[in-house]
Amino acid sequence: MNIKKSILILIALSIVFLLYIFFYRYTPTNKSSEGSQTLEDIHENTMLKSYEQVSKRYIKPSQEELKEMLTPIQYNVTQKNGTEPAFNNEYWDNKSEGIYVDIVSGEPLFSSTHKYDSGTGWPSFYRPLILENIVEEKDESLFLVRTEVRSMYGDSHLGHVFDDGPEPTGLRYCINSAALRFIKKDDLEKEGYKEFLHLFKN
């Protein structure tokens, strides 16, 4: 009798476990509001399935190499958490089509398809190109509490993200031009970023 009861208990526990796995893995994520999408939803719909292999080529040079390859403003921004002047930087009003990569590592960060005029004088985007390439950290400098954004592979200081952006994310990634290198859509294949050409096909 005890053996039968033990078997029934094991069967019941197995069923509960299988139901838990099914609902945990396959239940859709709740949206923040009706008709809107979270940043993770949007990224999931557009992410590159082969990106895990692509990302392996992005590395951070040594500090000695960085001092050789970067301008003083690029080094100050990316390595010393500096901020460039508003309205007096390379990409704040850039309207060309292409992608923005980390000036240090070359990892893809943002796209012109997600860029908008925020009126702040810095390049602004409502979402990253590759979500995994953006690292968020709490920033309590200047007597403020902000969310700093850094690159994953280059560990470059990029800027900050705020929650006053446009739909569909409601986010504003306020980024320093000095942390970026812009690659025009016509140069993507030559520069080794052909996997992003689909973004600019109408």
C-alpha atoms as a PDB file:
ATOM      1  CA  MET A   1       0.000   0.000   0.000  1.00  0.00           C
ATOM      2  CA  ASN A   2       2.818   2.409   0.861  1.00  0.00           C
ATOM      3  CA  ILE A   3       4.535   1.645  -2.446  1.00  0.00           C
ATOM      4  CA  LYS A   4       1.377   2.459  -4.419  1.00  0.00           C
ATOM      5  CA  LYS A   5       0.919   5.700  -2.508  1.00  0.00           C
ATOM      6  CA  SER A   6       4.544   6.684  -3.167  1.00  0.00           C
ATOM      7  CA  ILE A   7       4.143   6.015  -6.890  1.00  0.00           C
ATOM      8  CA  LEU A   8       0.977   8.138  -7.026  1.00  0.00           C
ATOM      9  CA  ILE A   9       2.735  10.986  -5.227  1.00  0.00           C
ATOM     10  CA  LEU A  10       5.661  10.840  -7.674  1.00  0.00           C
ATOM     11  CA  ILE A  11       3.289  10.896 -10.649  1.00  0.00           C
ATOM     12  CA  ALA A  12       1.412  13.883  -9.215  1.00  0.00           C
ATOM     13  CA  LEU A  13       4.645  15.783  -8.571  1.00  0.00           C
ATOM     14  CA  SER A  14       5.844  15.039 -12.104  1.00  0.00           C
ATOM     15  CA  ILE A  15       2.627  16.435 -13.578  1.00  0.00           C
ATOM     16  CA  VAL A  16       2.890  19.599 -11.459  1.00  0.00           C
ATOM     17  CA  PHE A  17       6.520  20.070 -12.538  1.00  0.00           C
ATOM     18  CA  LEU A  18       5.678  19.657 -16.237  1.00  0.00           C
ATOM     19  CA  LEU A  19       2.816  22.149 -15.970  1.00  0.00           C
ATOM     20  CA  TYR A  20       5.105  24.657 -14.254  1.00  0.00           C
ATOM     21  CA  ILE A  21       7.754  24.337 -16.999  1.00  0.00           C
ATOM     22  CA  PHE A  22       5.129  24.725 -19.711  1.00  0.00           C
ATOM     23  CA  PHE A  23       3.551  27.894 -18.312  1.00  0.00           C
ATOM     24  CA  TYR A  24       6.855  29.472 -17.216  1.00  0.00           C
ATOM     25  CA  ARG A  25       8.433  29.037 -20.633  1.00  0.00           C
ATOM     26  CA  TYR A  26       5.534  29.658 -22.968  1.00  0.00           C
ATOM     27  CA  THR A  27       3.279  32.186 -21.253  1.00  0.00           C
ATOM     28  CA  PRO A  28       3.653  35.537 -23.112  1.00  0.00           C
ATOM     29  CA  THR A  29       5.268  38.472 -21.277  1.00  0.00           C
ATOM     30  CA  ASN A  30       2.780  41.105 -20.140  1.00  0.00           C
ATOM     31  CA  LYS A  31       2.938  44.384 -22.069  1.00  0.00           C
ATOM     32  CA  SER A  32       3.418  47.617 -20.144  1.00  0.00           C
ATOM     33  CA  SER A  33       0.164  48.955 -21.597  1.00  0.00           C
ATOM     34  CA  GLU A  34      -2.428  47.846 -24.128  1.00  0.00           C
ATOM     35  CA  GLY A  35      -1.147  48.111 -27.691  1.00  0.00           C
ATOM     36  CA  SER A  36       2.447  48.902 -26.642  1.00  0.00           C
ATOM     37  CA  GLN A  37       5.581  46.750 -26.659  1.00  0.00           C
ATOM     38  CA  THR A  38       8.422  46.393 -24.221  1.00  0.00           C
ATOM     39  CA  LEU A  39      11.981  46.914 -25.435  1.00  0.00           C
ATOM     40  CA  GLU A  40      12.595  43.187 -25.012  1.00  0.00           C
ATOM     41  CA  ASP A  41       9.578  42.389 -27.231  1.00  0.00           C
ATOM     42  CA  ILE A  42      10.775  44.700 -29.972  1.00  0.00           C
ATOM     43  CA  HIS A  43      14.306  43.351 -29.807  1.00  0.00           C
ATOM     44  CA  GLU A  44      13.104  39.748 -29.882  1.00  0.00           C
ATOM     45  CA  ASN A  45      11.196  40.451 -33.080  1.00  0.00           C
ATOM     46  CA  THR A  46      14.225  41.876 -34.884  1.00  0.00           C
ATOM     47  CA  MET A  47      17.300  40.292 -33.300  1.00  0.00           C
ATOM     48  CA  LEU A  48      19.801  38.375 -35.399  1.00  0.00           C
ATOM     49  CA  LYS A  49      19.761  34.681 -34.603  1.00  0.00           C
ATOM     50  CA  SER A  50      23.431  34.345 -35.554  1.00  0.00           C
ATOM     51  CA  TYR A  51      24.588  37.265 -33.399  1.00  0.00           C
ATOM     52  CA  GLU A  52      26.185  35.038 -30.766  1.00  0.00           C
ATOM     53  CA  GLN A  53      28.832  34.078 -33.324  1.00  0.00           C
ATOM     54  CA  VAL A  54      29.131  37.570 -34.801  1.00  0.00           C
ATOM     55  CA  SER A  55      29.782  39.206 -31.419  1.00  0.00           C
ATOM     56  CA  LYS A  56      32.990  37.267 -30.775  1.00  0.00           C
ATOM     57  CA  ARG A  57      35.028  39.607 -32.949  1.00  0.00           C
ATOM     58  CA  TYR A  58      34.546  42.640 -30.674  1.00  0.00           C
ATOM     59  CA  ILE A  59      37.310  43.221 -28.143  1.00  0.00           C
ATOM     60  CA  LYS A  60      38.638  46.165 -26.132  1.00  0.00           C
ATOM     61  CA  PRO A  61      42.205  47.294 -26.942  1.00  0.00           C
ATOM     62  CA  SER A  62      44.689  48.005 -24.159  1.00  0.00           C
ATOM     63  CA  GLN A  63      44.862  51.441 -22.553  1.00  0.00           C
ATOM     64  CA  GLU A  64      48.122  52.112 -24.391  1.00  0.00           C
ATOM     65  CA  GLU A  65      46.446  51.301 -27.712  1.00  0.00           C
ATOM     66  CA  LEU A  66      43.407  53.405 -26.836  1.00  0.00           C
ATOM     67  CA  LYS A  67      45.555  56.439 -26.122  1.00  0.00           C
ATOM     68  CA  GLU A  68      47.073  56.029 -29.577  1.00  0.00           C
ATOM     69  CA  MET A  69      43.847  55.443 -31.502  1.00  0.00           C
ATOM     70  CA  LEU A  70      41.438  57.860 -29.772  1.00  0.00           C
ATOM     71  CA  THR A  71      41.283  61.642 -29.825  1.00  0.00           C
ATOM     72  CA  PRO A  72      41.426  63.402 -26.426  1.00  0.00           C
ATOM     73  CA  ILE A  73      37.633  63.928 -26.370  1.00  0.00           C
ATOM     74  CA  GLN A  74      36.977  60.307 -27.386  1.00  0.00           C
ATOM     75  CA  TYR A  75      39.279  59.047 -24.651  1.00  0.00           C
ATOM     76  CA  ASN A  76      37.816  61.374 -22.034  1.00  0.00           C
ATOM     77  CA  VAL A  77      34.243  60.337 -22.844  1.00  0.00           C
ATOM     78  CA  THR A  78      34.708  56.584 -23.219  1.00  0.00           C
ATOM     79  CA  GLN A  79      37.369  55.959 -20.568  1.00  0.00           C
ATOM     80  CA  LYS A  80      36.815  58.789 -18.069  1.00  0.00           C
ATOM     81  CA  ASN A  81      32.998  59.030 -18.229  1.00  0.00           C
ATOM     82  CA  GLY A  82      33.182  62.497 -19.732  1.00  0.00           C
ATOM     83  CA  THR A  83      30.485  64.431 -21.595  1.00  0.00           C
ATOM     84  CA  GLU A  84      30.951  66.336 -24.838  1.00  0.00           C
ATOM     85  CA  PRO A  85      29.295  69.726 -25.493  1.00  0.00           C
ATOM     86  CA  ALA A  86      25.684  69.729 -26.676  1.00  0.00           C
ATOM     87  CA  PHE A  87      25.088  70.925 -30.255  1.00  0.00           C
ATOM     88  CA  ASN A  88      28.845  70.860 -30.810  1.00  0.00           C
ATOM     89  CA  ASN A  89      29.515  67.227 -31.605  1.00  0.00           C
ATOM     90  CA  GLU A  90      29.733  65.097 -34.715  1.00  0.00           C
ATOM     91  CA  TYR A  91      26.422  63.244 -34.896  1.00  0.00           C
ATOM     92  CA  TRP A  92      23.777  65.229 -33.010  1.00  0.00           C
ATOM     93  CA  ASP A  93      22.118  66.293 -36.299  1.00  0.00           C
ATOM     94  CA  ASN A  94      23.334  63.474 -38.536  1.00  0.00           C
ATOM     95  CA  LYS A  95      20.446  62.350 -40.758  1.00  0.00           C
ATOM     96  CA  SER A  96      22.303  59.837 -42.946  1.00  0.00           C
ATOM     97  CA  GLU A  97      21.248  56.181 -43.000  1.00  0.00           C
ATOM     98  CA  GLY A  98      23.536  53.703 -41.305  1.00  0.00           C
ATOM     99  CA  ILE A  99      24.544  52.269 -37.946  1.00  0.00           C
ATOM    100  CA  TYR A 100      26.549  53.579 -34.996  1.00  0.00           C
ATOM    101  CA  VAL A 101      29.224  51.333 -33.506  1.00  0.00           C
ATOM    102  CA  ASP A 102      31.417  51.645 -30.423  1.00  0.00           C
ATOM    103  CA  ILE A 103      34.479  53.766 -31.272  1.00  0.00           C
ATOM    104  CA  VAL A 104      36.550  51.436 -29.059  1.00  0.00           C
ATOM    105  CA  SER A 105      35.428  47.906 -29.928  1.00  0.00           C
ATOM    106  CA  GLY A 106      33.370  48.304 -33.093  1.00  0.00           C
ATOM    107  CA  GLU A 107      30.362  46.513 -31.623  1.00  0.00           C
ATOM    108  CA  PRO A 108      27.051  47.680 -33.158  1.00  0.00           C
ATOM    109  CA  LEU A 109      25.058  49.881 -30.784  1.00  0.00           C
ATOM    110  CA  PHE A 110      22.438  52.027 -32.538  1.00  0.00           C
ATOM    111  CA  SER A 111      20.807  52.552 -35.922  1.00  0.00           C
ATOM    112  CA  SER A 112      19.682  55.647 -37.780  1.00  0.00           C
ATOM    113  CA  THR A 113      16.289  53.944 -38.109  1.00  0.00           C
ATOM    114  CA  HIS A 114      15.790  54.479 -34.358  1.00  0.00           C
ATOM    115  CA  LYS A 115      17.342  57.954 -34.140  1.00  0.00           C
ATOM    116  CA  TYR A 116      15.206  61.039 -33.509  1.00  0.00           C
ATOM    117  CA  ASP A 117      15.590  64.732 -32.738  1.00  0.00           C
ATOM    118  CA  SER A 118      15.247  65.098 -28.974  1.00  0.00           C
ATOM    119  CA  GLY A 119      16.237  68.765 -28.965  1.00  0.00           C
ATOM    120  CA  THR A 120      19.021  68.074 -26.460  1.00  0.00           C
ATOM    121  CA  GLY A 121      21.985  68.538 -28.792  1.00  0.00           C
ATOM    122  CA  TRP A 122      23.208  64.943 -28.473  1.00  0.00           C
ATOM    123  CA  PRO A 123      22.422  61.908 -30.651  1.00  0.00           C
ATOM    124  CA  SER A 124      19.232  60.339 -29.298  1.00  0.00           C
ATOM    125  CA  PHE A 125      17.715  56.932 -29.987  1.00  0.00           C
ATOM    126  CA  TYR A 126      14.541  55.300 -28.712  1.00  0.00           C
ATOM    127  CA  ARG A 127      16.107  51.825 -28.658  1.00  0.00           C
ATOM    128  CA  PRO A 128      19.482  50.108 -29.155  1.00  0.00           C
ATOM    129  CA  LEU A 129      20.309  48.134 -32.272  1.00  0.00           C
ATOM    130  CA  ILE A 130      21.473  45.118 -30.226  1.00  0.00           C
ATOM    131  CA  LEU A 131      20.010  45.104 -26.737  1.00  0.00           C
ATOM    132  CA  GLU A 132      22.693  42.780 -25.340  1.00  0.00           C
ATOM    133  CA  ASN A 133      25.408  45.278 -26.275  1.00  0.00           C
ATOM    134  CA  ILE A 134      24.066  47.873 -23.847  1.00  0.00           C
ATOM    135  CA  VAL A 135      24.933  47.667 -20.148  1.00  0.00           C
ATOM    136  CA  GLU A 136      23.043  49.846 -17.675  1.00  0.00           C
ATOM    137  CA  GLU A 137      24.572  51.063 -14.416  1.00  0.00           C
ATOM    138  CA  LYS A 138      23.377  53.364 -11.644  1.00  0.00           C
ATOM    139  CA  ASP A 139      25.056  56.778 -11.826  1.00  0.00           C
ATOM    140  CA  GLU A 140      24.937  59.043  -8.760  1.00  0.00           C
ATOM    141  CA  SER A 141      27.429  61.653  -9.955  1.00  0.00           C
ATOM    142  CA  LEU A 142      26.651  65.392 -10.119  1.00  0.00           C
ATOM    143  CA  PHE A 143      24.187  65.010  -7.212  1.00  0.00           C
ATOM    144  CA  LEU A 144      21.759  63.187  -9.536  1.00  0.00           C
ATOM    145  CA  VAL A 145      20.551  59.617  -9.860  1.00  0.00           C
ATOM    146  CA  ARG A 146      20.676  58.567 -13.487  1.00  0.00           C
ATOM    147  CA  THR A 147      21.067  55.390 -15.522  1.00  0.00           C
ATOM    148  CA  GLU A 148      24.398  55.243 -17.312  1.00  0.00           C
ATOM    149  CA  VAL A 149      24.739  53.163 -20.488  1.00  0.00           C
ATOM    150  CA  ARG A 150      27.989  51.446 -21.429  1.00  0.00           C
ATOM    151  CA  SER A 151      28.983  49.100 -24.224  1.00  0.00           C
ATOM    152  CA  MET A 152      29.209  45.403 -23.408  1.00  0.00           C
ATOM    153  CA  TYR A 153      32.491  44.477 -25.093  1.00  0.00           C
ATOM    154  CA  GLY A 154      34.324  47.824 -25.154  1.00  0.00           C
ATOM    155  CA  ASP A 155      33.123  48.891 -21.688  1.00  0.00           C
ATOM    156  CA  SER A 156      32.901  52.416 -23.081  1.00  0.00           C
ATOM    157  CA  HIS A 157      30.896  55.110 -21.370  1.00  0.00           C
ATOM    158  CA  LEU A 158      28.228  56.002 -23.950  1.00  0.00           C
ATOM    159  CA  GLY A 159      25.830  58.320 -22.145  1.00  0.00           C
ATOM    160  CA  HIS A 160      22.566  57.870 -20.242  1.00  0.00           C
ATOM    161  CA  VAL A 161      19.061  56.532 -20.821  1.00  0.00           C
ATOM    162  CA  PHE A 162      15.923  58.394 -19.733  1.00  0.00           C
ATOM    163  CA  ASP A 163      12.228  57.499 -19.704  1.00  0.00           C
ATOM    164  CA  ASP A 164      11.024  60.565 -21.618  1.00  0.00           C
ATOM    165  CA  GLY A 165      11.433  59.204 -25.145  1.00  0.00           C
ATOM    166  CA  PRO A 166       8.896  58.529 -27.907  1.00  0.00           C
ATOM    167  CA  GLU A 167       6.842  55.420 -28.532  1.00  0.00           C
ATOM    168  CA  PRO A 168       7.059  52.509 -28.877  1.00  0.00           C
ATOM    169  CA  THR A 169       9.600  52.261 -25.999  1.00  0.00           C
ATOM    170  CA  GLY A 170       9.223  55.601 -24.198  1.00  0.00           C
ATOM    171  CA  LEU A 171      13.013  55.662 -23.809  1.00  0.00           C
ATOM    172  CA  ARG A 172      15.652  58.221 -24.788  1.00  0.00           C
ATOM    173  CA  TYR A 173      19.188  56.971 -25.137  1.00  0.00           C
ATOM    174  CA  CYS A 174      21.199  60.209 -24.918  1.00  0.00           C
ATOM    175  CA  ILE A 175      24.599  59.293 -26.363  1.00  0.00           C
ATOM    176  CA  ASN A 176      27.922  61.068 -26.825  1.00  0.00           C
ATOM    177  CA  SER A 177      29.041  61.308 -30.452  1.00  0.00           C
ATOM    178  CA  ALA A 178      32.620  60.840 -29.241  1.00  0.00           C
ATOM    179  CA  ALA A 179      31.765  57.285 -28.170  1.00  0.00           C
ATOM    180  CA  LEU A 180      30.477  56.370 -31.627  1.00  0.00           C
ATOM    181  CA  ARG A 181      31.649  55.691 -35.150  1.00  0.00           C
ATOM    182  CA  PHE A 182      29.057  56.047 -37.883  1.00  0.00           C
ATOM    183  CA  ILE A 183      28.987  53.594 -40.783  1.00  0.00           C
ATOM    184  CA  LYS A 184      26.868  54.576 -43.778  1.00  0.00           C
ATOM    185  CA  LYS A 185      24.513  51.956 -45.152  1.00  0.00           C
ATOM    186  CA  ASP A 186      26.488  51.811 -48.416  1.00  0.00           C
ATOM    187  CA  ASP A 187      29.633  50.892 -46.456  1.00  0.00           C
ATOM    188  CA  LEU A 188      28.137  48.228 -44.194  1.00  0.00           C
ATOM    189  CA  GLU A 189      29.228  45.240 -46.254  1.00  0.00           C
ATOM    190  CA  LYS A 190      32.725  46.648 -46.836  1.00  0.00           C
ATOM    191  CA  GLU A 191      33.128  47.364 -43.117  1.00  0.00           C
ATOM    192  CA  GLY A 192      31.955  43.870 -42.111  1.00  0.00           C
ATOM    193  CA  TYR A 193      28.408  44.690 -40.986  1.00  0.00           C
ATOM    194  CA  LYS A 194      26.397  43.302 -43.892  1.00  0.00           C
ATOM    195  CA  GLU A 195      24.041  41.548 -41.471  1.00  0.00           C
ATOM    196  CA  PHE A 196      22.436  44.949 -40.851  1.00  0.00           C
ATOM    197  CA  LEU A 197      21.699  45.813 -44.472  1.00  0.00           C
ATOM    198  CA  HIS A 198      18.136  44.528 -44.080  1.00  0.00           C
ATOM    199  CA  LEU A 199      17.359  47.513 -41.860  1.00  0.00           C
ATOM    200  CA  PHE A 200      17.516  49.841 -44.847  1.00  0.00           C
ATOM    201  CA  LYS A 201      15.610  47.831 -47.442  1.00  0.00           C
ATOM    202  CA  ASN A 202      12.199  49.343 -48.125  1.00  0.00           C
END
